[in-house]
Each structure stands twice: as structure tokens, then as C-alpha cells.
Amino acid sequence: MSVGNQMRNSVTVAAQNDAATLVGFPSSGNVSVQIAGSLSATITFEATCDNTNWVALHMQPVGSALAATTAVTTATAAGIWNASTQAYSGVRARCSAYTTGSPVITLKYNGV
């Protein structure tokens, strides 16, 4: 869904490689990832320039003691992370390892 320079996508994880994905950013901006619910899984943050090849994306955790200094490329618990979209054409949060749970992953893009 797109509204002006905002986009949003949510997915409920039920298996490895389930992902919330946003592509086609109209401008540079910021993206936030929220993971809600219980999980025994690893969520990997990734970016792309060509919508085919994905690489690790460093994201800042929000509301944590590490938020001021530590960027991460994966998450194993509920929370919120932010990153600049720079010149990327897309960002996704993909379940790279799954055991149990059904967390909801929501991506939100805000363009400048």
C-alpha cells in the first residue's frame, strides 16, 4: 500500500523465508521494522538495489540500551528497528531461521 511517500507491508511468519518486503521507493527516506508477538526465529534485515539480489542491512534498535551505538542485521525478539533507505530500491525483513511462533513483521517506509 502506498500513500504519497509512505509505504507499508505486514506479514505473519509461519515458516522460514517468509518476509515482509517493500520495493519501489520513490525517494530516499527511512524504513522501520517492527516485530510483534512471540517467536523462536531469526529475522534478517536486507536491502536491494535491483530487486533481485539482497544483502544484509544494518538497522538501529529503538528503545534499547544499545540503540545509541549498535546497529544489527538480525533480530531474535520483538522490537522496532530503523534505517535509512539511502539509494536502495527495496528493503525486507526475512525469516532466515524458524522454529516456532507466529510473529507479525511490519515494514513502514517514509520518504523525504
PDB file of N, CA and C in Angstrom:
ATOM      1  N   MET A   1       0.838  -1.170   0.000  1.00  0.00           N
ATOM      2  CA  MET A   1       0.000   0.000   0.000  1.00  0.00           C
ATOM      3  C   MET A   1       0.883   1.232   0.000  1.00  0.00           C
ATOM      4  N   SER A   2       0.541   2.201  -0.797  1.00  0.00           N
ATOM      5  CA  SER A   2       1.337   3.413  -0.886  1.00  0.00           C
ATOM      6  C   SER A   2       0.441   4.637  -0.726  1.00  0.00           C
ATOM      7  N   VAL A   3       0.849   5.582   0.089  1.00  0.00           N
ATOM      8  CA  VAL A   3       0.134   6.834   0.274  1.00  0.00           C
ATOM      9  C   VAL A   3       1.170   7.938   0.209  1.00  0.00           C
ATOM     10  N   GLY A   4       1.219   8.704  -0.905  1.00  0.00           N
ATOM     11  CA  GLY A   4       2.246   9.720  -1.052  1.00  0.00           C
ATOM     12  C   GLY A   4       3.605   9.093  -0.972  1.00  0.00           C
ATOM     13  N   ASN A   5       4.435   9.566  -0.050  1.00  0.00           N
ATOM     14  CA  ASN A   5       5.762   8.997   0.132  1.00  0.00           C
ATOM     15  C   ASN A   5       5.798   8.066   1.335  1.00  0.00           C
ATOM     16  N   GLN A   6       4.729   7.318   1.543  1.00  0.00           N
ATOM     17  CA  GLN A   6       4.697   6.319   2.606  1.00  0.00           C
ATOM     18  C   GLN A   6       4.281   4.984   2.011  1.00  0.00           C
ATOM     19  N   MET A   7       4.881   3.917   2.513  1.00  0.00           N
ATOM     20  CA  MET A   7       4.521   2.563   2.106  1.00  0.00           C
ATOM     21  C   MET A   7       4.534   1.695   3.350  1.00  0.00           C
ATOM     22  N   ARG A   8       3.725   0.623   3.332  1.00  0.00           N
ATOM     23  CA  ARG A   8       3.648  -0.257   4.496  1.00  0.00           C
ATOM     24  C   ARG A   8       3.307  -1.672   4.033  1.00  0.00           C
ATOM     25  N   ASN A   9       3.869  -2.673   4.726  1.00  0.00           N
ATOM     26  CA  ASN A   9       3.569  -4.075   4.439  1.00  0.00           C
ATOM     27  C   ASN A   9       3.738  -4.878   5.722  1.00  0.00           C
ATOM     28  N   SER A  10       2.810  -5.798   5.969  1.00  0.00           N
ATOM     29  CA  SER A  10       2.887  -6.679   7.139  1.00  0.00           C
ATOM     30  C   SER A  10       2.731  -8.122   6.696  1.00  0.00           C
ATOM     31  N   VAL A  11       3.386  -9.019   7.427  1.00  0.00           N
ATOM     32  CA  VAL A  11       3.254 -10.455   7.169  1.00  0.00           C
ATOM     33  C   VAL A  11       3.348 -11.190   8.502  1.00  0.00           C
ATOM     34  N   THR A  12       2.576 -12.266   8.630  1.00  0.00           N
ATOM     35  CA  THR A  12       2.689 -13.147   9.791  1.00  0.00           C
ATOM     36  C   THR A  12       3.605 -14.296   9.412  1.00  0.00           C
ATOM     37  N   VAL A  13       4.676 -14.467  10.172  1.00  0.00           N
ATOM     38  CA  VAL A  13       5.668 -15.507   9.876  1.00  0.00           C
ATOM     39  C   VAL A  13       5.145 -16.865  10.329  1.00  0.00           C
ATOM     40  N   ALA A  14       5.190 -17.832   9.409  1.00  0.00           N
ATOM     41  CA  ALA A  14       4.787 -19.193   9.735  1.00  0.00           C
ATOM     42  C   ALA A  14       5.822 -20.214   9.260  1.00  0.00           C
ATOM     43  N   ALA A  15       6.869 -19.733   8.561  1.00  0.00           N
ATOM     44  CA  ALA A  15       7.887 -20.642   8.029  1.00  0.00           C
ATOM     45  C   ALA A  15       9.142 -19.869   7.658  1.00  0.00           C
ATOM     46  N   GLN A  16      10.234 -20.609   7.510  1.00  0.00           N
ATOM     47  CA  GLN A  16      11.480 -19.992   7.057  1.00  0.00           C
ATOM     48  C   GLN A  16      11.261 -19.357   5.685  1.00  0.00           C
ATOM     49  N   ASN A  17      11.890 -18.209   5.467  1.00  0.00           N
ATOM     50  CA  ASN A  17      11.850 -17.402   4.245  1.00  0.00           C
ATOM     51  C   ASN A  17      10.578 -16.591   4.060  1.00  0.00           C
ATOM     52  N   ASP A  18       9.609 -16.654   5.002  1.00  0.00           N
ATOM     53  CA  ASP A  18       8.509 -15.693   4.970  1.00  0.00           C
ATOM     54  C   ASP A  18       9.128 -14.313   5.168  1.00  0.00           C
ATOM     55  N   ALA A  19       8.614 -13.307   4.454  1.00  0.00           N
ATOM     56  CA  ALA A  19       9.228 -11.978   4.539  1.00  0.00           C
ATOM     57  C   ALA A  19       8.203 -10.879   4.320  1.00  0.00           C
ATOM     58  N   ALA A  20       8.407  -9.777   5.009  1.00  0.00           N
ATOM     59  CA  ALA A  20       7.700  -8.538   4.710  1.00  0.00           C
ATOM     60  C   ALA A  20       8.645  -7.750   3.813  1.00  0.00           C
ATOM     61  N   THR A  21       8.157  -7.323   2.650  1.00  0.00           N
ATOM     62  CA  THR A  21       9.016  -6.695   1.648  1.00  0.00           C
ATOM     63  C   THR A  21       8.393  -5.410   1.129  1.00  0.00           C
ATOM     64  N   LEU A  22       9.216  -4.392   0.964  1.00  0.00           N
ATOM     65  CA  LEU A  22       8.811  -3.151   0.301  1.00  0.00           C
ATOM     66  C   LEU A  22       9.812  -2.868  -0.808  1.00  0.00           C
ATOM     67  N   VAL A  23       9.335  -2.639  -2.034  1.00  0.00           N
ATOM     68  CA  VAL A  23      10.208  -2.278  -3.150  1.00  0.00           C
ATOM     69  C   VAL A  23       9.594  -1.106  -3.898  1.00  0.00           C
ATOM     70  N   GLY A  24      10.446  -0.389  -4.641  1.00  0.00           N
ATOM     71  CA  GLY A  24       9.989   0.739  -5.440  1.00  0.00           C
ATOM     72  C   GLY A  24       9.902   2.040  -4.674  1.00  0.00           C
ATOM     73  N   PHE A  25      10.901   2.295  -3.825  1.00  0.00           N
ATOM     74  CA  PHE A  25      10.896   3.552  -3.074  1.00  0.00           C
ATOM     75  C   PHE A  25      10.962   4.734  -4.035  1.00  0.00           C
ATOM     76  N   PRO A  26      10.059   5.718  -3.897  1.00  0.00           N
ATOM     77  CA  PRO A  26      10.061   6.865  -4.804  1.00  0.00           C
ATOM     78  C   PRO A  26      11.162   7.882  -4.519  1.00  0.00           C
ATOM     79  N   SER A  27      11.779   7.806  -3.332  1.00  0.00           N
ATOM     80  CA  SER A  27      12.848   8.745  -2.957  1.00  0.00           C
ATOM     81  C   SER A  27      13.592   8.169  -1.763  1.00  0.00           C
ATOM     82  N   SER A  28      14.689   8.822  -1.390  1.00  0.00           N
ATOM     83  CA  SER A  28      15.378   8.409  -0.165  1.00  0.00           C
ATOM     84  C   SER A  28      14.461   8.661   1.016  1.00  0.00           C
ATOM     85  N   GLY A  29      14.691   7.922   2.067  1.00  0.00           N
ATOM     86  CA  GLY A  29      13.862   8.091   3.255  1.00  0.00           C
ATOM     87  C   GLY A  29      14.344   7.184   4.365  1.00  0.00           C
ATOM     88  N   ASN A  30      13.411   6.763   5.178  1.00  0.00           N
ATOM     89  CA  ASN A  30      13.704   5.875   6.293  1.00  0.00           C
ATOM     90  C   ASN A  30      12.727   4.723   6.296  1.00  0.00           C
ATOM     91  N   VAL A  31      13.184   3.594   6.797  1.00  0.00           N
ATOM     92  CA  VAL A  31      12.320   2.432   6.936  1.00  0.00           C
ATOM     93  C   VAL A  31      12.395   1.943   8.374  1.00  0.00           C
ATOM     94  N   SER A  32      11.252   1.516   8.890  1.00  0.00           N
ATOM     95  CA  SER A  32      11.177   0.934  10.223  1.00  0.00           C
ATOM     96  C   SER A  32      10.658  -0.484  10.099  1.00  0.00           C
ATOM     97  N   VAL A  33      11.188  -1.367  10.942  1.00  0.00           N
ATOM     98  CA  VAL A  33      10.722  -2.742  11.025  1.00  0.00           C
ATOM     99  C   VAL A  33      10.235  -2.965  12.447  1.00  0.00           C
ATOM    100  N   GLN A  34       9.014  -3.468  12.563  1.00  0.00           N
ATOM    101  CA  GLN A  34       8.502  -3.841  13.877  1.00  0.00           C
ATOM    102  C   GLN A  34       8.202  -5.332  13.861  1.00  0.00           C
ATOM    103  N   ILE A  35       8.717  -6.030  14.877  1.00  0.00           N
ATOM    104  CA  ILE A  35       8.425  -7.443  15.066  1.00  0.00           C
ATOM    105  C   ILE A  35       7.590  -7.533  16.341  1.00  0.00           C
ATOM    106  N   ALA A  36       6.384  -8.102  16.208  1.00  0.00           N
ATOM    107  CA  ALA A  36       5.471  -8.206  17.349  1.00  0.00           C
ATOM    108  C   ALA A  36       5.065  -9.661  17.535  1.00  0.00           C
ATOM    109  N   GLY A  37       4.920 -10.066  18.784  1.00  0.00           N
ATOM    110  CA  GLY A  37       4.489 -11.428  19.078  1.00  0.00           C
ATOM    111  C   GLY A  37       5.647 -12.293  19.524  1.00  0.00           C
ATOM    112  N   SER A  38       5.316 -13.550  19.809  1.00  0.00           N
ATOM    113  CA  SER A  38       6.350 -14.471  20.285  1.00  0.00           C
ATOM    114  C   SER A  38       6.992 -15.191  19.110  1.00  0.00           C
ATOM    115  N   LEU A  39       8.280 -15.492  19.262  1.00  0.00           N
ATOM    116  CA  LEU A  39       8.980 -16.185  18.198  1.00  0.00           C
ATOM    117  C   LEU A  39      10.189 -16.931  18.721  1.00  0.00           C
ATOM    118  N   SER A  40      10.467 -18.009  18.048  1.00  0.00           N
ATOM    119  CA  SER A  40      11.743 -18.691  18.172  1.00  0.00           C
ATOM    120  C   SER A  40      12.237 -18.764  16.728  1.00  0.00           C
ATOM    121  N   ALA A  41      12.820 -17.652  16.297  1.00  0.00           N
ATOM    122  CA  ALA A  41      13.197 -17.490  14.898  1.00  0.00           C
ATOM    123  C   ALA A  41      14.240 -16.393  14.797  1.00  0.00           C
ATOM    124  N   THR A  42      14.859 -16.300  13.637  1.00  0.00           N
ATOM    125  CA  THR A  42      15.783 -15.207  13.343  1.00  0.00           C
ATOM    126  C   THR A  42      15.237 -14.429  12.160  1.00  0.00           C
ATOM    127  N   ILE A  43      15.087 -13.132  12.351  1.00  0.00           N
ATOM    128  CA  ILE A  43      14.628 -12.250  11.284  1.00  0.00           C
ATOM    129  C   ILE A  43      15.844 -11.486  10.783  1.00  0.00           C
ATOM    130  N   THR A  44      16.102 -11.571   9.480  1.00  0.00           N
ATOM    131  CA  THR A  44      17.263 -10.933   8.863  1.00  0.00           C
ATOM    132  C   THR A  44      16.807  -9.715   8.078  1.00  0.00           C
ATOM    133  N   PHE A  45      17.472  -8.583   8.317  1.00  0.00           N
ATOM    134  CA  PHE A  45      17.170  -7.339   7.615  1.00  0.00           C
ATOM    135  C   PHE A  45      18.015  -7.275   6.349  1.00  0.00           C
ATOM    136  N   GLU A  46      17.380  -6.981   5.190  1.00  0.00           N
ATOM    137  CA  GLU A  46      18.095  -6.986   3.919  1.00  0.00           C
ATOM    138  C   GLU A  46      17.645  -5.830   3.036  1.00  0.00           C
ATOM    139  N   ALA A  47      18.557  -5.420   2.131  1.00  0.00           N
ATOM    140  CA  ALA A  47      18.274  -4.348   1.173  1.00  0.00           C
ATOM    141  C   ALA A  47      18.677  -4.802  -0.227  1.00  0.00           C
ATOM    142  N   THR A  48      18.102  -4.145  -1.243  1.00  0.00           N
ATOM    143  CA  THR A  48      18.431  -4.446  -2.627  1.00  0.00           C
ATOM    144  C   THR A  48      18.474  -3.158  -3.450  1.00  0.00           C
ATOM    145  N   CYS A  49      19.271  -3.186  -4.499  1.00  0.00           N
ATOM    146  CA  CYS A  49      19.287  -2.082  -5.470  1.00  0.00           C
ATOM    147  C   CYS A  49      18.617  -2.500  -6.774  1.00  0.00           C
ATOM    148  N   ASP A  50      18.524  -3.827  -7.013  1.00  0.00           N
ATOM    149  CA  ASP A  50      17.991  -4.323  -8.281  1.00  0.00           C
ATOM    150  C   ASP A  50      16.748  -5.205  -8.123  1.00  0.00           C
ATOM    151  N   ASN A  51      16.209  -5.333  -6.905  1.00  0.00           N
ATOM    152  CA  ASN A  51      15.029  -6.139  -6.594  1.00  0.00           C
ATOM    153  C   ASN A  51      15.238  -7.634  -6.838  1.00  0.00           C
ATOM    154  N   THR A  52      16.495  -8.057  -7.012  1.00  0.00           N
ATOM    155  CA  THR A  52      16.815  -9.470  -7.218  1.00  0.00           C
ATOM    156  C   THR A  52      17.838  -9.951  -6.201  1.00  0.00           C
ATOM    157  N   ASN A  53      18.909  -9.204  -6.033  1.00  0.00           N
ATOM    158  CA  ASN A  53      19.999  -9.574  -5.121  1.00  0.00           C
ATOM    159  C   ASN A  53      19.843  -8.808  -3.818  1.00  0.00           C
ATOM    160  N   TRP A  54      19.781  -9.549  -2.713  1.00  0.00           N
ATOM    161  CA  TRP A  54      19.568  -8.960  -1.386  1.00  0.00           C
ATOM    162  C   TRP A  54      20.824  -9.120  -0.536  1.00  0.00           C
ATOM    163  N   VAL A  55      21.171  -8.067   0.219  1.00  0.00           N
ATOM    164  CA  VAL A  55      22.333  -8.086   1.113  1.00  0.00           C
ATOM    165  C   VAL A  55      21.912  -7.608   2.498  1.00  0.00           C
ATOM    166  N   ALA A  56      22.713  -7.950   3.501  1.00  0.00           N
ATOM    167  CA  ALA A  56      22.414  -7.565   4.883  1.00  0.00           C
ATOM    168  C   ALA A  56      22.313  -6.050   5.022  1.00  0.00           C
ATOM    169  N   LEU A  57      21.335  -5.611   5.782  1.00  0.00           N
ATOM    170  CA  LEU A  57      21.118  -4.184   6.064  1.00  0.00           C
ATOM    171  C   LEU A  57      21.264  -3.966   7.564  1.00  0.00           C
ATOM    172  N   HIS A  58      22.138  -3.029   7.942  1.00  0.00           N
ATOM    173  CA  HIS A  58      22.313  -2.684   9.352  1.00  0.00           C
ATOM    174  C   HIS A  58      21.188  -1.744   9.784  1.00  0.00           C
ATOM    175  N   MET A  59      20.496  -2.119  10.859  1.00  0.00           N
ATOM    176  CA  MET A  59      19.396  -1.319  11.389  1.00  0.00           C
ATOM    177  C   MET A  59      19.646  -1.007  12.859  1.00  0.00           C
ATOM    178  N   GLN A  60      19.197   0.170  13.290  1.00  0.00           N
ATOM    179  CA  GLN A  60      19.350   0.605  14.686  1.00  0.00           C
ATOM    180  C   GLN A  60      18.164   0.136  15.513  1.00  0.00           C
ATOM    181  N   PRO A  61      18.404  -0.548  16.626  1.00  0.00           N
ATOM    182  CA  PRO A  61      17.292  -0.887  17.518  1.00  0.00           C
ATOM    183  C   PRO A  61      16.762   0.368  18.197  1.00  0.00           C
ATOM    184  N   VAL A  62      15.474   0.373  18.492  1.00  0.00           N
ATOM    185  CA  VAL A  62      14.821   1.506  19.143  1.00  0.00           C
ATOM    186  C   VAL A  62      14.454   1.108  20.567  1.00  0.00           C
ATOM    187  N   GLY A  63      14.634   2.028  21.499  1.00  0.00           N
ATOM    188  CA  GLY A  63      14.204   1.792  22.869  1.00  0.00           C
ATOM    189  C   GLY A  63      15.034   0.787  23.642  1.00  0.00           C
ATOM    190  N   SER A  64      16.293   0.645  23.285  1.00  0.00           N
ATOM    191  CA  SER A  64      17.162  -0.301  23.979  1.00  0.00           C
ATOM    192  C   SER A  64      18.429   0.430  24.405  1.00  0.00           C
ATOM    193  N   ALA A  65      19.117  -0.124  25.370  1.00  0.00           N
ATOM    194  CA  ALA A  65      20.376   0.476  25.807  1.00  0.00           C
ATOM    195  C   ALA A  65      21.392   0.498  24.673  1.00  0.00           C
ATOM    196  N   LEU A  66      21.248  -0.423  23.708  1.00  0.00           N
ATOM    197  CA  LEU A  66      22.178  -0.493  22.584  1.00  0.00           C
ATOM    198  C   LEU A  66      21.790   0.441  21.445  1.00  0.00           C
ATOM    199  N   ALA A  67      20.621   1.074  21.520  1.00  0.00           N
ATOM    200  CA  ALA A  67      20.108   1.866  20.406  1.00  0.00           C
ATOM    201  C   ALA A  67      21.060   2.968  19.953  1.00  0.00           C
ATOM    202  N   ALA A  68      21.791   3.555  20.875  1.00  0.00           N
ATOM    203  CA  ALA A  68      22.659   4.680  20.509  1.00  0.00           C
ATOM    204  C   ALA A  68      23.927   4.249  19.788  1.00  0.00           C
ATOM    205  N   THR A  69      24.319   2.997  19.925  1.00  0.00           N
ATOM    206  CA  THR A  69      25.630   2.626  19.392  1.00  0.00           C
ATOM    207  C   THR A  69      25.671   1.393  18.505  1.00  0.00           C
ATOM    208  N   THR A  70      24.697   0.502  18.590  1.00  0.00           N
ATOM    209  CA  THR A  70      24.839  -0.792  17.943  1.00  0.00           C
ATOM    210  C   THR A  70      23.811  -1.029  16.847  1.00  0.00           C
ATOM    211  N   ALA A  71      24.255  -1.099  15.604  1.00  0.00           N
ATOM    212  CA  ALA A  71      23.384  -1.479  14.500  1.00  0.00           C
ATOM    213  C   ALA A  71      23.477  -2.989  14.325  1.00  0.00           C
ATOM    214  N   VAL A  72      22.368  -3.618  13.936  1.00  0.00           N
ATOM    215  CA  VAL A  72      22.324  -5.072  13.800  1.00  0.00           C
ATOM    216  C   VAL A  72      21.768  -5.463  12.437  1.00  0.00           C
ATOM    217  N   THR A  73      22.020  -6.687  12.018  1.00  0.00           N
ATOM    218  CA  THR A  73      21.469  -7.190  10.760  1.00  0.00           C
ATOM    219  C   THR A  73      20.431  -8.284  10.986  1.00  0.00           C
ATOM    220  N   THR A  74      20.260  -8.729  12.245  1.00  0.00           N
ATOM    221  CA  THR A  74      19.262  -9.745  12.558  1.00  0.00           C
ATOM    222  C   THR A  74      18.590  -9.433  13.891  1.00  0.00           C
ATOM    223  N   ALA A  75      17.428 -10.062  14.099  1.00  0.00           N
ATOM    224  CA  ALA A  75      16.708  -9.933  15.364  1.00  0.00           C
ATOM    225  C   ALA A  75      16.147 -11.298  15.743  1.00  0.00           C
ATOM    226  N   THR A  76      16.113 -11.558  17.048  1.00  0.00           N
ATOM    227  CA  THR A  76      15.551 -12.820  17.538  1.00  0.00           C
ATOM    228  C   THR A  76      14.461 -12.574  18.585  1.00  0.00           C
ATOM    229  N   ALA A  77      14.024 -11.331  18.720  1.00  0.00           N
ATOM    230  CA  ALA A  77      12.987 -10.974  19.690  1.00  0.00           C
ATOM    231  C   ALA A  77      12.159  -9.821  19.135  1.00  0.00           C
ATOM    232  N   ALA A  78      11.018  -9.595  19.755  1.00  0.00           N
ATOM    233  CA  ALA A  78      10.149  -8.491  19.350  1.00  0.00           C
ATOM    234  C   ALA A  78      10.851  -7.157  19.578  1.00  0.00           C
ATOM    235  N   GLY A  79      10.526  -6.169  18.764  1.00  0.00           N
ATOM    236  CA  GLY A  79      11.097  -4.838  18.905  1.00  0.00           C
ATOM    237  C   GLY A  79      10.906  -4.026  17.634  1.00  0.00           C
ATOM    238  N   ILE A  80      11.549  -2.851  17.609  1.00  0.00           N
ATOM    239  CA  ILE A  80      11.497  -1.946  16.456  1.00  0.00           C
ATOM    240  C   ILE A  80      12.908  -1.542  16.085  1.00  0.00           C
ATOM    241  N   TRP A  81      13.188  -1.478  14.780  1.00  0.00           N
ATOM    242  CA  TRP A  81      14.493  -1.092  14.245  1.00  0.00           C
ATOM    243  C   TRP A  81      14.284  -0.080  13.129  1.00  0.00           C
ATOM    244  N   ASN A  82      15.240   0.836  12.935  1.00  0.00           N
ATOM    245  CA  ASN A  82      15.168   1.872  11.903  1.00  0.00           C
ATOM    246  C   ASN A  82      16.443   1.889  11.070  1.00  0.00           C
ATOM    247  N   ALA A  83      16.298   2.320   9.797  1.00  0.00           N
ATOM    248  CA  ALA A  83      17.459   2.501   8.916  1.00  0.00           C
ATOM    249  C   ALA A  83      17.100   3.502   7.823  1.00  0.00           C
ATOM    250  N   SER A  84      18.119   4.125   7.267  1.00  0.00           N
ATOM    251  CA  SER A  84      17.954   4.976   6.092  1.00  0.00           C
ATOM    252  C   SER A  84      17.841   4.081   4.869  1.00  0.00           C
ATOM    253  N   THR A  85      17.000   4.480   3.911  1.00  0.00           N
ATOM    254  CA  THR A  85      16.885   3.688   2.684  1.00  0.00           C
ATOM    255  C   THR A  85      17.958   4.072   1.674  1.00  0.00           C
ATOM    256  N   GLN A  86      18.664   5.164   1.895  1.00  0.00           N
ATOM    257  CA  GLN A  86      19.736   5.637   1.021  1.00  0.00           C
ATOM    258  C   GLN A  86      19.301   5.519  -0.432  1.00  0.00           C
ATOM    259  N   ALA A  87      20.044   4.809  -1.263  1.00  0.00           N
ATOM    260  CA  ALA A  87      19.683   4.660  -2.670  1.00  0.00           C
ATOM    261  C   ALA A  87      19.112   3.278  -2.966  1.00  0.00           C
ATOM    262  N   TYR A  88      18.686   2.554  -1.929  1.00  0.00           N
ATOM    263  CA  TYR A  88      18.126   1.221  -2.137  1.00  0.00           C
ATOM    264  C   TYR A  88      16.777   1.307  -2.844  1.00  0.00           C
ATOM    265  N   SER A  89      16.455   0.285  -3.605  1.00  0.00           N
ATOM    266  CA  SER A  89      15.131   0.245  -4.218  1.00  0.00           C
ATOM    267  C   SER A  89      14.165  -0.588  -3.379  1.00  0.00           C
ATOM    268  N   GLY A  90      14.693  -1.354  -2.426  1.00  0.00           N
ATOM    269  CA  GLY A  90      13.822  -2.152  -1.586  1.00  0.00           C
ATOM    270  C   GLY A  90      14.479  -2.625  -0.313  1.00  0.00           C
ATOM    271  N   VAL A  91      13.636  -2.955   0.665  1.00  0.00           N
ATOM    272  CA  VAL A  91      14.077  -3.480   1.959  1.00  0.00           C
ATOM    273  C   VAL A  91      13.122  -4.606   2.332  1.00  0.00           C
ATOM    274  N   ARG A  92      13.669  -5.628   2.989  1.00  0.00           N
ATOM    275  CA  ARG A  92      12.802  -6.677   3.503  1.00  0.00           C
ATOM    276  C   ARG A  92      13.305  -7.160   4.852  1.00  0.00           C
ATOM    277  N   ALA A  93      12.400  -7.765   5.606  1.00  0.00           N
ATOM    278  CA  ALA A  93      12.722  -8.444   6.859  1.00  0.00           C
ATOM    279  C   ALA A  93      12.293  -9.886   6.635  1.00  0.00           C
ATOM    280  N   ARG A  94      13.275 -10.782   6.515  1.00  0.00           N
ATOM    281  CA  ARG A  94      13.043 -12.175   6.116  1.00  0.00           C
ATOM    282  C   ARG A  94      13.358 -13.123   7.274  1.00  0.00           C
ATOM    283  N   CYS A  95      12.506 -14.103   7.464  1.00  0.00           N
ATOM    284  CA  CYS A  95      12.753 -15.127   8.473  1.00  0.00           C
ATOM    285  C   CYS A  95      13.808 -16.084   7.931  1.00  0.00           C
ATOM    286  N   SER A  96      15.027 -15.980   8.442  1.00  0.00           N
ATOM    287  CA  SER A  96      16.130 -16.803   7.933  1.00  0.00           C
ATOM    288  C   SER A  96      16.285 -18.122   8.698  1.00  0.00           C
ATOM    289  N   ALA A  97      15.681 -18.210   9.868  1.00  0.00           N
ATOM    290  CA  ALA A  97      15.675 -19.459  10.648  1.00  0.00           C
ATOM    291  C   ALA A  97      14.380 -19.477  11.446  1.00  0.00           C
ATOM    292  N   TYR A  98      13.680 -20.600  11.412  1.00  0.00           N
ATOM    293  CA  TYR A  98      12.364 -20.680  12.060  1.00  0.00           C
ATOM    294  C   TYR A  98      12.238 -21.961  12.864  1.00  0.00           C
ATOM    295  N   THR A  99      11.757 -21.822  14.116  1.00  0.00           N
ATOM    296  CA  THR A  99      11.450 -22.976  14.946  1.00  0.00           C
ATOM    297  C   THR A  99       9.971 -22.972  15.302  1.00  0.00           C
ATOM    298  N   THR A 100       9.523 -21.910  16.016  1.00  0.00           N
ATOM    299  CA  THR A 100       8.114 -21.806  16.403  1.00  0.00           C
ATOM    300  C   THR A 100       7.693 -20.352  16.491  1.00  0.00           C
ATOM    301  N   GLY A 101       6.394 -20.160  16.689  1.00  0.00           N
ATOM    302  CA  GLY A 101       5.832 -18.833  16.877  1.00  0.00           C
ATOM    303  C   GLY A 101       5.161 -18.333  15.612  1.00  0.00           C
ATOM    304  N   SER A 102       4.504 -17.200  15.746  1.00  0.00           N
ATOM    305  CA  SER A 102       3.858 -16.579  14.592  1.00  0.00           C
ATOM    306  C   SER A 102       3.953 -15.050  14.720  1.00  0.00           C
ATOM    307  N   PRO A 103       5.178 -14.529  14.731  1.00  0.00           N
ATOM    308  CA  PRO A 103       5.345 -13.085  14.870  1.00  0.00           C
ATOM    309  C   PRO A 103       4.812 -12.353  13.640  1.00  0.00           C
ATOM    310  N   VAL A 104       4.365 -11.131  13.870  1.00  0.00           N
ATOM    311  CA  VAL A 104       3.945 -10.264  12.774  1.00  0.00           C
ATOM    312  C   VAL A 104       5.074  -9.278  12.513  1.00  0.00           C
ATOM    313  N   ILE A 105       5.541  -9.245  11.271  1.00  0.00           N
ATOM    314  CA  ILE A 105       6.593  -8.309  10.870  1.00  0.00           C
ATOM    315  C   ILE A 105       5.934  -7.208  10.051  1.00  0.00           C
ATOM    316  N   THR A 106       6.152  -5.956  10.449  1.00  0.00           N
ATOM    317  CA  THR A 106       5.608  -4.820   9.711  1.00  0.00           C
ATOM    318  C   THR A 106       6.750  -3.922   9.283  1.00  0.00           C
ATOM    319  N   LEU A 107       6.787  -3.583   7.992  1.00  0.00           N
ATOM    320  CA  LEU A 107       7.737  -2.616   7.451  1.00  0.00           C
ATOM    321  C   LEU A 107       6.987  -1.344   7.109  1.00  0.00           C
ATOM    322  N   LYS A 108       7.574  -0.208   7.438  1.00  0.00           N
ATOM    323  CA  LYS A 108       6.990   1.079   7.071  1.00  0.00           C
ATOM    324  C   LYS A 108       8.085   1.977   6.511  1.00  0.00           C
ATOM    325  N   TYR A 109       7.821   2.534   5.331  1.00  0.00           N
ATOM    326  CA  TYR A 109       8.753   3.447   4.673  1.00  0.00           C
ATOM    327  C   TYR A 109       8.160   4.853   4.729  1.00  0.00           C
ATOM    328  N   ASN A 110       8.997   5.835   5.048  1.00  0.00           N
ATOM    329  CA  ASN A 110       8.646   7.254   4.977  1.00  0.00           C
ATOM    330  C   ASN A 110       9.669   7.946   4.107  1.00  0.00           C
ATOM    331  N   GLY A 111       9.236   8.506   2.999  1.00  0.00           N
ATOM    332  CA  GLY A 111      10.146   9.197   2.086  1.00  0.00           C
ATOM    333  C   GLY A 111      10.324  10.642   2.470  1.00  0.00           C
ATOM    334  N   VAL A 112      11.404  11.224   1.971  1.00  0.00           N
ATOM    335  CA  VAL A 112      11.666  12.638   2.225  1.00  0.00           C
ATOM    336  C   VAL A 112      11.233  13.465   1.048  1.00  0.00           C
TER     337      VAL A 112
END
